[in-house]
Amino acid sequence: MPKNFKTKMKKGVALKKLQDLIDRIEYWNKHYATYFKVQSATLVGSLARNQEVIGDIDVCMQVQRAKEFSAQENKESYIEWRKSLLGYAPPRDYNAQLNMYELDVTRYVKNRDGRIEILRNDQLGPISLTMNPISSIVNGGSIISSSASEVVMNALPITNEKAIELINSGIPRRPAEAKGEYWNSYCCSLSRYSDVHRELILKRDNYLSNFQAENA
């Protein structure tokens, strides 16, 4: 669900927060990525649209293994490392121990900043289809630009060819039937897309007549 902030940030404040985020990603990948690294990160949302007033900073991020390793065999040394260097308390249970390697990356990048929203990387496709500007921060584990201002300046919508490629790949996901919670969510997401792309999606999913009947 979108956050409704009582106060908004001016763009200068948002750019500073984005710069700090980029610096943390770059530092993690350079110094801390023994087990997991930031493979990709993309700025989306109001800052990517270069708005003057910003609610939060939205970044789609993919965290990926830097190498093959045994989570069980390395947990004691990693727990000690994260405590001494990052100040993180030991995980409370076994599942948390197994997940800490990956989750610590997002935790470090976000840095407890409530104005930073780290989105799943699989949300990037549906967001891109809105044809709002997006901008790559990290690709293939490498920083594209170390400057927050450049990241915002370089934000562009995806091409129509890329949009069609995403649609043909199954984005957004087709609901199993034209009713229920998933259908309602699907229809809601379609309202964010252009008429042309919405029709392509509905034809792909064989739901054009269902959608037209509900919106007649």
N, C-alpha and C. Protein backbone atom coordinates (compact mmCIF):
# COMPACT_ATOMS: atom_id res chain seq x y z
N MET A 1 0.83 -1.20 0.00
CA MET A 1 0.00 0.00 0.00
C MET A 1 0.87 1.25 0.00
N PRO A 2 0.49 2.27 -0.81
CA PRO A 2 1.27 3.51 -0.79
C PRO A 2 1.21 4.18 0.57
N LYS A 3 2.30 4.81 0.96
CA LYS A 3 2.32 5.53 2.23
C LYS A 3 1.80 6.94 2.02
N ASN A 4 1.00 7.41 2.97
CA ASN A 4 0.49 8.77 2.91
C ASN A 4 1.19 9.59 3.98
N PHE A 5 2.23 10.29 3.59
CA PHE A 5 2.99 11.09 4.53
C PHE A 5 2.29 12.41 4.79
N LYS A 6 2.23 12.81 6.05
CA LYS A 6 1.62 14.10 6.40
C LYS A 6 2.47 15.24 5.87
N THR A 7 3.76 15.03 5.79
CA THR A 7 4.66 16.05 5.25
C THR A 7 5.42 15.47 4.07
N LYS A 8 5.78 16.31 3.14
CA LYS A 8 6.55 15.90 1.97
C LYS A 8 7.96 16.47 2.06
N MET A 9 8.86 15.87 1.31
CA MET A 9 10.23 16.36 1.24
C MET A 9 10.41 17.26 0.02
N LYS A 10 11.22 18.27 0.17
CA LYS A 10 11.66 19.01 -1.00
C LYS A 10 12.66 18.15 -1.77
N LYS A 11 12.78 18.43 -3.06
CA LYS A 11 13.62 17.59 -3.91
C LYS A 11 15.07 17.56 -3.43
N GLY A 12 15.57 18.68 -2.92
CA GLY A 12 16.94 18.71 -2.43
C GLY A 12 17.18 17.74 -1.30
N VAL A 13 16.21 17.62 -0.39
CA VAL A 13 16.32 16.67 0.72
C VAL A 13 16.28 15.24 0.18
N ALA A 14 15.37 15.00 -0.77
CA ALA A 14 15.25 13.66 -1.36
C ALA A 14 16.53 13.27 -2.10
N LEU A 15 17.13 14.22 -2.79
CA LEU A 15 18.38 13.93 -3.50
C LEU A 15 19.50 13.56 -2.53
N LYS A 16 19.53 14.23 -1.39
CA LYS A 16 20.55 13.90 -0.38
C LYS A 16 20.34 12.48 0.13
N LYS A 17 19.09 12.10 0.38
CA LYS A 17 18.80 10.75 0.84
C LYS A 17 19.15 9.72 -0.24
N LEU A 18 18.85 10.05 -1.49
CA LEU A 18 19.19 9.14 -2.58
C LEU A 18 20.70 9.00 -2.70
N GLN A 19 21.43 10.10 -2.55
CA GLN A 19 22.89 10.04 -2.62
C GLN A 19 23.45 9.15 -1.53
N ASP A 20 22.91 9.29 -0.32
CA ASP A 20 23.36 8.44 0.79
C ASP A 20 23.08 6.97 0.50
N LEU A 21 21.92 6.70 -0.10
CA LEU A 21 21.56 5.32 -0.45
C LEU A 21 22.53 4.76 -1.49
N ILE A 22 22.83 5.55 -2.52
CA ILE A 22 23.77 5.11 -3.54
C ILE A 22 25.14 4.83 -2.93
N ASP A 23 25.57 5.71 -2.03
CA ASP A 23 26.87 5.53 -1.36
C ASP A 23 26.89 4.23 -0.55
N ARG A 24 25.78 3.94 0.11
CA ARG A 24 25.72 2.70 0.92
C ARG A 24 25.75 1.47 0.03
N ILE A 25 25.04 1.51 -1.09
CA ILE A 25 25.08 0.38 -2.03
C ILE A 25 26.50 0.17 -2.54
N GLU A 26 27.13 1.26 -2.93
CA GLU A 26 28.49 1.18 -3.48
C GLU A 26 29.46 0.64 -2.42
N TYR A 27 29.30 1.08 -1.18
CA TYR A 27 30.18 0.64 -0.11
C TYR A 27 29.96 -0.83 0.21
N TRP A 28 28.69 -1.24 0.26
CA TRP A 28 28.40 -2.65 0.54
C TRP A 28 29.01 -3.55 -0.54
N ASN A 29 28.75 -3.22 -1.79
CA ASN A 29 29.26 -4.07 -2.87
C ASN A 29 30.78 -4.11 -2.93
N LYS A 30 31.42 -3.05 -2.47
CA LYS A 30 32.88 -2.99 -2.50
C LYS A 30 33.52 -3.67 -1.29
N HIS A 31 32.90 -3.53 -0.11
CA HIS A 31 33.56 -3.96 1.12
C HIS A 31 32.86 -5.12 1.86
N TYR A 32 31.54 -5.25 1.69
CA TYR A 32 30.80 -6.19 2.53
C TYR A 32 30.18 -7.36 1.76
N ALA A 33 30.33 -7.40 0.45
CA ALA A 33 29.60 -8.37 -0.36
C ALA A 33 30.30 -9.73 -0.40
N THR A 34 30.61 -10.26 0.77
CA THR A 34 31.22 -11.59 0.83
C THR A 34 30.22 -12.67 0.41
N TYR A 35 28.97 -12.51 0.83
CA TYR A 35 27.96 -13.53 0.58
C TYR A 35 26.86 -13.05 -0.37
N PHE A 36 26.36 -11.84 -0.15
CA PHE A 36 25.31 -11.28 -1.01
C PHE A 36 25.69 -9.88 -1.44
N LYS A 37 25.23 -9.50 -2.63
CA LYS A 37 25.50 -8.17 -3.17
C LYS A 37 24.22 -7.59 -3.78
N VAL A 38 24.24 -6.29 -4.01
CA VAL A 38 23.16 -5.64 -4.75
C VAL A 38 23.44 -5.85 -6.23
N GLN A 39 22.62 -6.67 -6.86
CA GLN A 39 22.81 -6.98 -8.27
C GLN A 39 22.22 -5.91 -9.18
N SER A 40 21.05 -5.39 -8.79
CA SER A 40 20.44 -4.32 -9.57
C SER A 40 19.61 -3.43 -8.65
N ALA A 41 19.51 -2.17 -9.02
CA ALA A 41 18.69 -1.21 -8.29
C ALA A 41 18.21 -0.16 -9.28
N THR A 42 16.92 0.17 -9.21
CA THR A 42 16.33 1.12 -10.16
C THR A 42 15.46 2.11 -9.42
N LEU A 43 15.69 3.39 -9.66
CA LEU A 43 14.86 4.44 -9.07
C LEU A 43 13.55 4.54 -9.84
N VAL A 44 12.44 4.53 -9.11
CA VAL A 44 11.11 4.70 -9.70
C VAL A 44 10.37 5.75 -8.86
N GLY A 45 9.13 6.04 -9.24
CA GLY A 45 8.32 6.91 -8.41
C GLY A 45 8.52 8.40 -8.64
N SER A 46 8.12 9.19 -7.65
CA SER A 46 8.04 10.65 -7.82
C SER A 46 9.40 11.30 -8.04
N LEU A 47 10.45 10.79 -7.41
CA LEU A 47 11.77 11.39 -7.63
C LEU A 47 12.28 11.09 -9.04
N ALA A 48 12.00 9.90 -9.54
CA ALA A 48 12.37 9.58 -10.93
C ALA A 48 11.59 10.45 -11.91
N ARG A 49 10.40 10.90 -11.50
CA ARG A 49 9.61 11.81 -12.34
C ARG A 49 10.07 13.26 -12.17
N ASN A 50 11.10 13.47 -11.36
CA ASN A 50 11.71 14.79 -11.15
C ASN A 50 10.73 15.79 -10.56
N GLN A 51 9.87 15.31 -9.67
CA GLN A 51 8.93 16.21 -9.01
C GLN A 51 9.66 17.04 -7.96
N GLU A 52 9.12 18.19 -7.67
CA GLU A 52 9.75 19.10 -6.71
C GLU A 52 9.44 18.73 -5.27
N VAL A 53 8.33 18.05 -5.07
CA VAL A 53 7.93 17.62 -3.73
C VAL A 53 7.78 16.11 -3.74
N ILE A 54 8.42 15.44 -2.78
CA ILE A 54 8.54 13.98 -2.79
C ILE A 54 7.96 13.39 -1.51
N GLY A 55 7.19 12.31 -1.65
CA GLY A 55 6.71 11.60 -0.47
C GLY A 55 7.77 10.65 0.07
N ASP A 56 8.20 9.73 -0.76
CA ASP A 56 9.28 8.82 -0.38
C ASP A 56 10.11 8.48 -1.60
N ILE A 57 11.21 7.80 -1.37
CA ILE A 57 12.14 7.43 -2.43
C ILE A 57 11.96 5.94 -2.71
N ASP A 58 11.49 5.62 -3.90
CA ASP A 58 11.17 4.24 -4.26
C ASP A 58 12.27 3.64 -5.12
N VAL A 59 12.80 2.52 -4.67
CA VAL A 59 13.87 1.84 -5.40
C VAL A 59 13.55 0.35 -5.50
N CYS A 60 13.46 -0.17 -6.72
CA CYS A 60 13.34 -1.61 -6.93
C CYS A 60 14.75 -2.21 -6.87
N MET A 61 14.92 -3.21 -6.02
CA MET A 61 16.28 -3.73 -5.80
C MET A 61 16.30 -5.25 -5.82
N GLN A 62 17.33 -5.78 -6.43
CA GLN A 62 17.57 -7.23 -6.45
C GLN A 62 18.86 -7.54 -5.71
N VAL A 63 18.76 -8.40 -4.71
CA VAL A 63 19.92 -8.85 -3.95
C VAL A 63 20.24 -10.27 -4.39
N GLN A 64 21.50 -10.54 -4.66
CA GLN A 64 21.90 -11.83 -5.24
C GLN A 64 23.14 -12.37 -4.54
N ARG A 65 23.24 -13.70 -4.51
CA ARG A 65 24.44 -14.33 -3.94
C ARG A 65 25.69 -13.87 -4.68
N ALA A 66 26.72 -13.53 -3.90
CA ALA A 66 28.00 -13.18 -4.50
C ALA A 66 28.82 -14.43 -4.82
N LYS A 67 28.51 -15.53 -4.10
CA LYS A 67 29.20 -16.80 -4.32
C LYS A 67 28.39 -17.90 -3.66
N GLU A 68 28.70 -19.14 -3.97
CA GLU A 68 28.07 -20.26 -3.30
C GLU A 68 28.71 -20.44 -1.92
N PHE A 69 27.88 -20.67 -0.93
CA PHE A 69 28.39 -20.85 0.43
C PHE A 69 27.36 -21.60 1.26
N SER A 70 27.80 -22.13 2.39
CA SER A 70 26.91 -22.82 3.32
C SER A 70 26.50 -21.84 4.42
N ALA A 71 25.21 -21.51 4.46
CA ALA A 71 24.72 -20.59 5.48
C ALA A 71 24.95 -21.15 6.88
N GLN A 72 24.78 -22.45 7.02
CA GLN A 72 24.93 -23.09 8.32
C GLN A 72 26.39 -23.05 8.80
N GLU A 73 27.30 -23.35 7.91
CA GLU A 73 28.71 -23.43 8.29
C GLU A 73 29.32 -22.05 8.60
N ASN A 74 28.78 -21.01 7.99
CA ASN A 74 29.37 -19.68 8.14
C ASN A 74 28.64 -18.79 9.13
N LYS A 75 27.58 -19.32 9.74
CA LYS A 75 26.71 -18.44 10.53
C LYS A 75 27.41 -17.83 11.74
N GLU A 76 28.22 -18.59 12.46
CA GLU A 76 28.84 -18.07 13.68
C GLU A 76 29.78 -16.91 13.37
N SER A 77 30.62 -17.08 12.38
CA SER A 77 31.56 -16.00 12.03
C SER A 77 30.82 -14.79 11.46
N TYR A 78 29.73 -15.06 10.70
CA TYR A 78 28.98 -13.94 10.13
C TYR A 78 28.23 -13.17 11.21
N ILE A 79 27.64 -13.89 12.17
CA ILE A 79 26.93 -13.24 13.28
C ILE A 79 27.89 -12.33 14.05
N GLU A 80 29.09 -12.80 14.27
CA GLU A 80 30.09 -11.99 14.99
C GLU A 80 30.50 -10.78 14.15
N TRP A 81 30.66 -10.99 12.85
CA TRP A 81 31.05 -9.90 11.96
C TRP A 81 29.98 -8.82 11.92
N ARG A 82 28.72 -9.21 11.74
CA ARG A 82 27.64 -8.22 11.62
C ARG A 82 27.43 -7.48 12.94
N LYS A 83 27.68 -8.15 14.06
CA LYS A 83 27.53 -7.50 15.36
C LYS A 83 28.63 -6.46 15.57
N SER A 84 29.86 -6.82 15.26
CA SER A 84 30.99 -5.91 15.51
C SER A 84 31.06 -4.77 14.51
N LEU A 85 30.70 -5.04 13.25
CA LEU A 85 30.87 -4.03 12.21
C LEU A 85 29.59 -3.25 11.92
N LEU A 86 28.45 -3.94 11.94
CA LEU A 86 27.18 -3.28 11.61
C LEU A 86 26.34 -2.95 12.84
N GLY A 87 26.69 -3.56 13.97
CA GLY A 87 25.93 -3.30 15.19
C GLY A 87 24.60 -4.02 15.25
N TYR A 88 24.44 -5.09 14.45
CA TYR A 88 23.18 -5.84 14.42
C TYR A 88 23.19 -6.92 15.48
N ALA A 89 22.10 -7.02 16.22
CA ALA A 89 21.96 -8.06 17.25
C ALA A 89 21.85 -9.43 16.60
N PRO A 90 22.27 -10.49 17.29
CA PRO A 90 22.15 -11.85 16.74
C PRO A 90 20.70 -12.20 16.42
N PRO A 91 20.46 -12.94 15.33
CA PRO A 91 19.10 -13.35 14.98
C PRO A 91 18.47 -14.18 16.09
N ARG A 92 17.15 -14.11 16.20
CA ARG A 92 16.46 -14.75 17.32
C ARG A 92 16.21 -16.23 17.11
N ASP A 93 16.10 -16.67 15.85
CA ASP A 93 15.79 -18.08 15.62
C ASP A 93 16.54 -18.60 14.40
N TYR A 94 16.34 -19.89 14.13
CA TYR A 94 17.07 -20.56 13.06
C TYR A 94 16.76 -19.97 11.69
N ASN A 95 15.48 -19.72 11.40
CA ASN A 95 15.11 -19.16 10.10
C ASN A 95 15.73 -17.78 9.89
N ALA A 96 15.75 -16.99 10.95
CA ALA A 96 16.36 -15.66 10.85
C ALA A 96 17.85 -15.76 10.58
N GLN A 97 18.49 -16.79 11.13
CA GLN A 97 19.91 -17.00 10.88
C GLN A 97 20.16 -17.32 9.40
N LEU A 98 19.30 -18.13 8.83
CA LEU A 98 19.47 -18.50 7.42
C LEU A 98 19.21 -17.33 6.49
N ASN A 99 18.28 -16.44 6.87
CA ASN A 99 17.89 -15.33 6.01
C ASN A 99 18.72 -14.07 6.21
N MET A 100 19.51 -14.02 7.28
CA MET A 100 20.21 -12.77 7.63
C MET A 100 21.18 -12.32 6.55
N TYR A 101 21.82 -13.26 5.87
CA TYR A 101 22.81 -12.90 4.86
C TYR A 101 22.20 -12.00 3.78
N GLU A 102 21.01 -12.39 3.32
CA GLU A 102 20.34 -11.63 2.26
C GLU A 102 19.65 -10.39 2.81
N LEU A 103 18.94 -10.53 3.93
CA LEU A 103 18.16 -9.42 4.47
C LEU A 103 19.04 -8.29 4.99
N ASP A 104 20.24 -8.62 5.44
CA ASP A 104 21.14 -7.58 5.95
C ASP A 104 21.51 -6.56 4.87
N VAL A 105 21.52 -6.98 3.62
CA VAL A 105 21.87 -6.05 2.54
C VAL A 105 20.83 -4.95 2.45
N THR A 106 19.56 -5.34 2.39
CA THR A 106 18.47 -4.36 2.33
C THR A 106 18.44 -3.51 3.59
N ARG A 107 18.65 -4.15 4.72
CA ARG A 107 18.66 -3.42 6.00
C ARG A 107 19.73 -2.34 6.00
N TYR A 108 20.91 -2.68 5.53
CA TYR A 108 22.02 -1.72 5.48
C TYR A 108 21.73 -0.59 4.50
N VAL A 109 21.22 -0.93 3.33
CA VAL A 109 20.95 0.07 2.30
C VAL A 109 19.84 1.03 2.74
N LYS A 110 18.80 0.49 3.35
CA LYS A 110 17.68 1.31 3.81
C LYS A 110 18.08 2.18 5.01
N ASN A 111 18.91 1.64 5.89
CA ASN A 111 19.46 2.39 7.02
C ASN A 111 18.38 2.99 7.92
N ARG A 112 17.30 2.24 8.12
CA ARG A 112 16.20 2.64 9.00
C ARG A 112 15.54 3.96 8.59
N ASP A 113 15.66 4.32 7.34
CA ASP A 113 15.06 5.56 6.86
C ASP A 113 13.65 5.29 6.37
N GLY A 114 12.67 5.82 7.07
CA GLY A 114 11.27 5.58 6.72
C GLY A 114 10.85 6.20 5.41
N ARG A 115 11.67 7.09 4.88
CA ARG A 115 11.36 7.72 3.59
C ARG A 115 11.91 6.93 2.41
N ILE A 116 12.63 5.87 2.69
CA ILE A 116 13.16 5.02 1.62
C ILE A 116 12.35 3.74 1.56
N GLU A 117 11.80 3.46 0.40
CA GLU A 117 10.99 2.26 0.18
C GLU A 117 11.74 1.34 -0.77
N ILE A 118 12.19 0.20 -0.26
CA ILE A 118 12.87 -0.78 -1.09
C ILE A 118 11.83 -1.77 -1.60
N LEU A 119 11.61 -1.76 -2.90
CA LEU A 119 10.61 -2.62 -3.53
C LEU A 119 11.28 -3.86 -4.10
N ARG A 120 10.49 -4.93 -4.24
CA ARG A 120 11.02 -6.14 -4.86
C ARG A 120 11.34 -5.87 -6.33
N ASN A 121 12.34 -6.55 -6.83
CA ASN A 121 12.72 -6.33 -8.21
C ASN A 121 11.66 -6.79 -9.20
N ASP A 122 10.82 -7.77 -8.78
CA ASP A 122 9.76 -8.22 -9.69
C ASP A 122 8.63 -7.20 -9.82
N GLN A 123 8.68 -6.13 -9.04
CA GLN A 123 7.71 -5.04 -9.18
C GLN A 123 8.12 -4.06 -10.27
N LEU A 124 9.36 -4.16 -10.73
CA LEU A 124 9.87 -3.20 -11.71
C LEU A 124 9.13 -3.29 -13.04
N GLY A 125 8.83 -4.51 -13.50
CA GLY A 125 8.14 -4.67 -14.77
C GLY A 125 6.79 -3.97 -14.81
N PRO A 126 5.88 -4.29 -13.86
CA PRO A 126 4.59 -3.61 -13.83
C PRO A 126 4.71 -2.10 -13.68
N ILE A 127 5.67 -1.64 -12.87
CA ILE A 127 5.87 -0.20 -12.70
C ILE A 127 6.34 0.42 -14.01
N SER A 128 7.26 -0.25 -14.70
CA SER A 128 7.79 0.27 -15.97
C SER A 128 6.69 0.43 -17.01
N LEU A 129 5.70 -0.47 -16.97
CA LEU A 129 4.62 -0.44 -17.96
C LEU A 129 3.72 0.78 -17.82
N THR A 130 3.81 1.50 -16.71
CA THR A 130 3.06 2.75 -16.58
C THR A 130 3.63 3.82 -17.50
N MET A 131 4.82 3.57 -18.03
CA MET A 131 5.54 4.49 -18.92
C MET A 131 5.98 5.76 -18.20
N ASN A 132 6.03 5.70 -16.87
CA ASN A 132 6.65 6.77 -16.10
C ASN A 132 8.17 6.58 -16.13
N PRO A 133 8.94 7.65 -15.96
CA PRO A 133 10.40 7.53 -16.01
C PRO A 133 10.95 6.62 -14.91
N ILE A 134 11.98 5.89 -15.25
CA ILE A 134 12.75 5.08 -14.29
C ILE A 134 14.22 5.32 -14.58
N SER A 135 15.08 4.99 -13.62
CA SER A 135 16.51 5.21 -13.84
C SER A 135 17.33 4.16 -13.12
N SER A 136 18.24 3.53 -13.83
CA SER A 136 19.07 2.48 -13.27
C SER A 136 20.17 3.07 -12.38
N ILE A 137 20.29 2.51 -11.18
CA ILE A 137 21.36 2.88 -10.26
C ILE A 137 22.47 1.84 -10.30
N VAL A 138 22.06 0.57 -10.28
CA VAL A 138 23.00 -0.55 -10.33
C VAL A 138 22.52 -1.54 -11.38
N ASN A 139 23.44 -2.04 -12.18
CA ASN A 139 23.10 -3.07 -13.15
C ASN A 139 24.24 -4.09 -13.20
N GLY A 140 23.90 -5.36 -13.06
CA GLY A 140 24.92 -6.40 -13.09
C GLY A 140 25.91 -6.30 -11.95
N GLY A 141 25.47 -5.72 -10.84
CA GLY A 141 26.34 -5.57 -9.68
C GLY A 141 27.25 -4.35 -9.72
N SER A 142 27.17 -3.57 -10.80
CA SER A 142 28.03 -2.38 -10.96
C SER A 142 27.21 -1.10 -10.89
N ILE A 143 27.75 -0.10 -10.23
CA ILE A 143 27.09 1.20 -10.14
C ILE A 143 27.07 1.86 -11.52
N ILE A 144 25.88 2.29 -11.96
CA ILE A 144 25.75 2.99 -13.23
C ILE A 144 26.19 4.44 -13.09
N SER A 145 25.74 5.06 -11.99
CA SER A 145 26.15 6.43 -11.70
C SER A 145 26.24 6.59 -10.20
N SER A 146 27.31 7.24 -9.73
CA SER A 146 27.48 7.50 -8.30
C SER A 146 26.84 8.81 -7.87
N SER A 147 26.23 9.51 -8.80
CA SER A 147 25.63 10.81 -8.52
C SER A 147 24.11 10.72 -8.52
N ALA A 148 23.48 11.10 -7.42
CA ALA A 148 22.02 11.09 -7.33
C ALA A 148 21.40 12.02 -8.36
N SER A 149 22.00 13.18 -8.56
CA SER A 149 21.47 14.14 -9.54
C SER A 149 21.49 13.55 -10.94
N GLU A 150 22.55 12.82 -11.28
CA GLU A 150 22.64 12.19 -12.60
C GLU A 150 21.60 11.08 -12.74
N VAL A 151 21.40 10.32 -11.68
CA VAL A 151 20.40 9.25 -11.72
C VAL A 151 19.03 9.83 -12.05
N VAL A 152 18.66 10.92 -11.38
CA VAL A 152 17.36 11.56 -11.63
C VAL A 152 17.33 12.15 -13.04
N MET A 153 18.40 12.81 -13.44
CA MET A 153 18.47 13.45 -14.76
C MET A 153 18.35 12.41 -15.88
N ASN A 154 18.86 11.21 -15.65
CA ASN A 154 18.86 10.16 -16.68
C ASN A 154 17.57 9.35 -16.73
N ALA A 155 16.62 9.66 -15.87
CA ALA A 155 15.38 8.88 -15.82
C ALA A 155 14.57 9.07 -17.10
N LEU A 156 14.14 7.95 -17.67
CA LEU A 156 13.33 7.96 -18.89
C LEU A 156 12.31 6.83 -18.83
N PRO A 157 11.18 6.98 -19.55
CA PRO A 157 10.27 5.84 -19.69
C PRO A 157 10.92 4.75 -20.53
N ILE A 158 10.47 3.52 -20.36
CA ILE A 158 10.93 2.46 -21.25
C ILE A 158 10.36 2.71 -22.65
N THR A 159 10.96 2.11 -23.64
CA THR A 159 10.46 2.25 -25.01
C THR A 159 9.19 1.43 -25.20
N ASN A 160 8.44 1.74 -26.24
CA ASN A 160 7.25 0.96 -26.54
C ASN A 160 7.62 -0.48 -26.86
N GLU A 161 8.76 -0.67 -27.52
CA GLU A 161 9.22 -2.03 -27.84
C GLU A 161 9.47 -2.82 -26.56
N LYS A 162 10.08 -2.17 -25.57
CA LYS A 162 10.32 -2.84 -24.29
C LYS A 162 9.01 -3.14 -23.58
N ALA A 163 8.06 -2.22 -23.67
CA ALA A 163 6.75 -2.44 -23.04
C ALA A 163 6.07 -3.67 -23.64
N ILE A 164 6.10 -3.79 -24.95
CA ILE A 164 5.49 -4.94 -25.62
C ILE A 164 6.23 -6.23 -25.23
N GLU A 165 7.54 -6.14 -25.11
CA GLU A 165 8.33 -7.30 -24.68
C GLU A 165 7.92 -7.75 -23.28
N LEU A 166 7.70 -6.80 -22.38
CA LEU A 166 7.26 -7.13 -21.02
C LEU A 166 5.89 -7.78 -21.04
N ILE A 167 4.99 -7.21 -21.83
CA ILE A 167 3.63 -7.77 -21.93
C ILE A 167 3.68 -9.20 -22.46
N ASN A 168 4.46 -9.42 -23.50
CA ASN A 168 4.57 -10.76 -24.09
C ASN A 168 5.23 -11.76 -23.14
N SER A 169 5.99 -11.25 -22.18
CA SER A 169 6.64 -12.14 -21.20
C SER A 169 5.72 -12.51 -20.04
N GLY A 170 4.50 -11.92 -20.03
CA GLY A 170 3.54 -12.29 -18.99
C GLY A 170 3.36 -11.26 -17.90
N ILE A 171 3.81 -10.04 -18.11
CA ILE A 171 3.66 -8.96 -17.14
C ILE A 171 2.55 -8.03 -17.60
N PRO A 172 1.60 -7.69 -16.73
CA PRO A 172 1.39 -8.22 -15.38
C PRO A 172 0.84 -9.64 -15.43
N ARG A 173 0.91 -10.33 -14.31
CA ARG A 173 0.50 -11.73 -14.26
C ARG A 173 -1.00 -11.87 -14.49
N ARG A 174 -1.37 -12.88 -15.25
CA ARG A 174 -2.78 -13.15 -15.56
C ARG A 174 -3.45 -13.84 -14.38
N PRO A 175 -4.61 -13.33 -13.91
CA PRO A 175 -5.35 -14.05 -12.86
C PRO A 175 -5.99 -15.31 -13.43
N ALA A 176 -6.20 -16.29 -12.58
CA ALA A 176 -6.73 -17.58 -13.03
C ALA A 176 -8.16 -17.47 -13.54
N GLU A 177 -8.93 -16.54 -12.99
CA GLU A 177 -10.33 -16.39 -13.41
C GLU A 177 -10.75 -14.93 -13.27
N ALA A 178 -11.82 -14.58 -13.98
CA ALA A 178 -12.28 -13.19 -14.02
C ALA A 178 -13.23 -12.88 -12.87
N LYS A 179 -12.77 -13.13 -11.67
CA LYS A 179 -13.55 -12.79 -10.48
C LYS A 179 -12.64 -12.92 -9.26
N GLY A 180 -13.10 -12.38 -8.16
CA GLY A 180 -12.36 -12.52 -6.92
C GLY A 180 -11.29 -11.46 -6.72
N GLU A 181 -10.52 -11.65 -5.66
CA GLU A 181 -9.53 -10.67 -5.23
C GLU A 181 -8.45 -10.42 -6.29
N TYR A 182 -7.95 -11.51 -6.91
CA TYR A 182 -6.87 -11.34 -7.89
C TYR A 182 -7.37 -10.64 -9.15
N TRP A 183 -8.60 -10.91 -9.53
CA TRP A 183 -9.19 -10.23 -10.68
C TRP A 183 -9.33 -8.73 -10.40
N ASN A 184 -9.80 -8.39 -9.21
CA ASN A 184 -9.96 -6.98 -8.86
C ASN A 184 -8.62 -6.25 -8.85
N SER A 185 -7.60 -6.92 -8.32
CA SER A 185 -6.26 -6.34 -8.29
C SER A 185 -5.71 -6.16 -9.71
N TYR A 186 -5.97 -7.14 -10.55
CA TYR A 186 -5.55 -7.10 -11.96
C TYR A 186 -6.19 -5.92 -12.68
N CYS A 187 -7.50 -5.76 -12.51
CA CYS A 187 -8.21 -4.66 -13.16
C CYS A 187 -7.72 -3.31 -12.65
N CYS A 188 -7.43 -3.24 -11.37
CA CYS A 188 -6.91 -2.01 -10.78
C CYS A 188 -5.56 -1.65 -11.38
N SER A 189 -4.70 -2.66 -11.55
CA SER A 189 -3.38 -2.39 -12.13
C SER A 189 -3.49 -1.94 -13.58
N LEU A 190 -4.47 -2.48 -14.31
CA LEU A 190 -4.64 -2.11 -15.72
C LEU A 190 -4.99 -0.64 -15.88
N SER A 191 -5.63 -0.05 -14.87
CA SER A 191 -6.02 1.35 -14.97
C SER A 191 -4.81 2.28 -15.03
N ARG A 192 -3.64 1.78 -14.67
CA ARG A 192 -2.42 2.60 -14.67
C ARG A 192 -1.74 2.62 -16.04
N TYR A 193 -2.22 1.76 -16.95
CA TYR A 193 -1.54 1.63 -18.24
C TYR A 193 -2.28 2.37 -19.34
N SER A 194 -1.58 2.64 -20.43
CA SER A 194 -2.21 3.31 -21.57
C SER A 194 -3.27 2.40 -22.19
N ASP A 195 -4.18 3.01 -22.94
CA ASP A 195 -5.25 2.23 -23.58
C ASP A 195 -4.67 1.14 -24.49
N VAL A 196 -3.61 1.49 -25.22
CA VAL A 196 -3.01 0.54 -26.16
C VAL A 196 -2.41 -0.65 -25.41
N HIS A 197 -1.65 -0.38 -24.36
CA HIS A 197 -1.01 -1.47 -23.61
C HIS A 197 -2.04 -2.28 -22.83
N ARG A 198 -3.06 -1.60 -22.31
CA ARG A 198 -4.11 -2.32 -21.58
C ARG A 198 -4.82 -3.31 -22.51
N GLU A 199 -5.11 -2.88 -23.72
CA GLU A 199 -5.79 -3.77 -24.66
C GLU A 199 -4.89 -4.95 -25.05
N LEU A 200 -3.61 -4.71 -25.21
CA LEU A 200 -2.67 -5.80 -25.53
C LEU A 200 -2.64 -6.83 -24.41
N ILE A 201 -2.65 -6.35 -23.17
CA ILE A 201 -2.63 -7.26 -22.01
C ILE A 201 -3.91 -8.07 -21.96
N LEU A 202 -5.04 -7.41 -22.15
CA LEU A 202 -6.33 -8.10 -22.07
C LEU A 202 -6.49 -9.12 -23.20
N LYS A 203 -6.02 -8.78 -24.38
CA LYS A 203 -6.07 -9.74 -25.49
C LYS A 203 -5.14 -10.92 -25.22
N ARG A 204 -3.98 -10.64 -24.68
CA ARG A 204 -3.04 -11.71 -24.33
C ARG A 204 -3.68 -12.69 -23.35
N ASP A 205 -4.43 -12.16 -22.40
CA ASP A 205 -5.01 -12.97 -21.34
C ASP A 205 -6.42 -13.47 -21.64
N ASN A 206 -6.95 -13.12 -22.82
CA ASN A 206 -8.31 -13.51 -23.21
C ASN A 206 -9.37 -12.98 -22.24
N TYR A 207 -9.14 -11.75 -21.76
CA TYR A 207 -10.08 -11.15 -20.81
C TYR A 207 -10.65 -9.83 -21.33
N LEU A 208 -10.49 -9.53 -22.60
CA LEU A 208 -10.95 -8.25 -23.13
C LEU A 208 -12.45 -8.09 -22.96
N SER A 209 -13.22 -9.12 -23.32
CA SER A 209 -14.68 -9.02 -23.22
C SER A 209 -15.13 -8.91 -21.76
N ASN A 210 -14.47 -9.64 -20.85
CA ASN A 210 -14.81 -9.55 -19.43
C ASN A 210 -14.58 -8.14 -18.90
N PHE A 211 -13.45 -7.56 -19.26
CA PHE A 211 -13.10 -6.22 -18.78
C PHE A 211 -14.06 -5.19 -19.36
N GLN A 212 -14.37 -5.31 -20.65
CA GLN A 212 -15.27 -4.36 -21.28
C GLN A 212 -16.67 -4.45 -20.69
N ALA A 213 -17.11 -5.66 -20.36
CA ALA A 213 -18.44 -5.83 -19.77
C ALA A 213 -18.53 -5.16 -18.40
N GLU A 214 -17.46 -5.25 -17.62
CA GLU A 214 -17.47 -4.65 -16.29
C GLU A 214 -17.33 -3.14 -16.33
N ASN A 215 -16.76 -2.63 -17.43
CA ASN A 215 -16.51 -1.19 -17.52
C ASN A 215 -17.36 -0.52 -18.59
N ALA A 216 -18.45 -1.17 -18.95
CA ALA A 216 -19.35 -0.62 -19.97
C ALA A 216 -20.09 0.60 -19.43
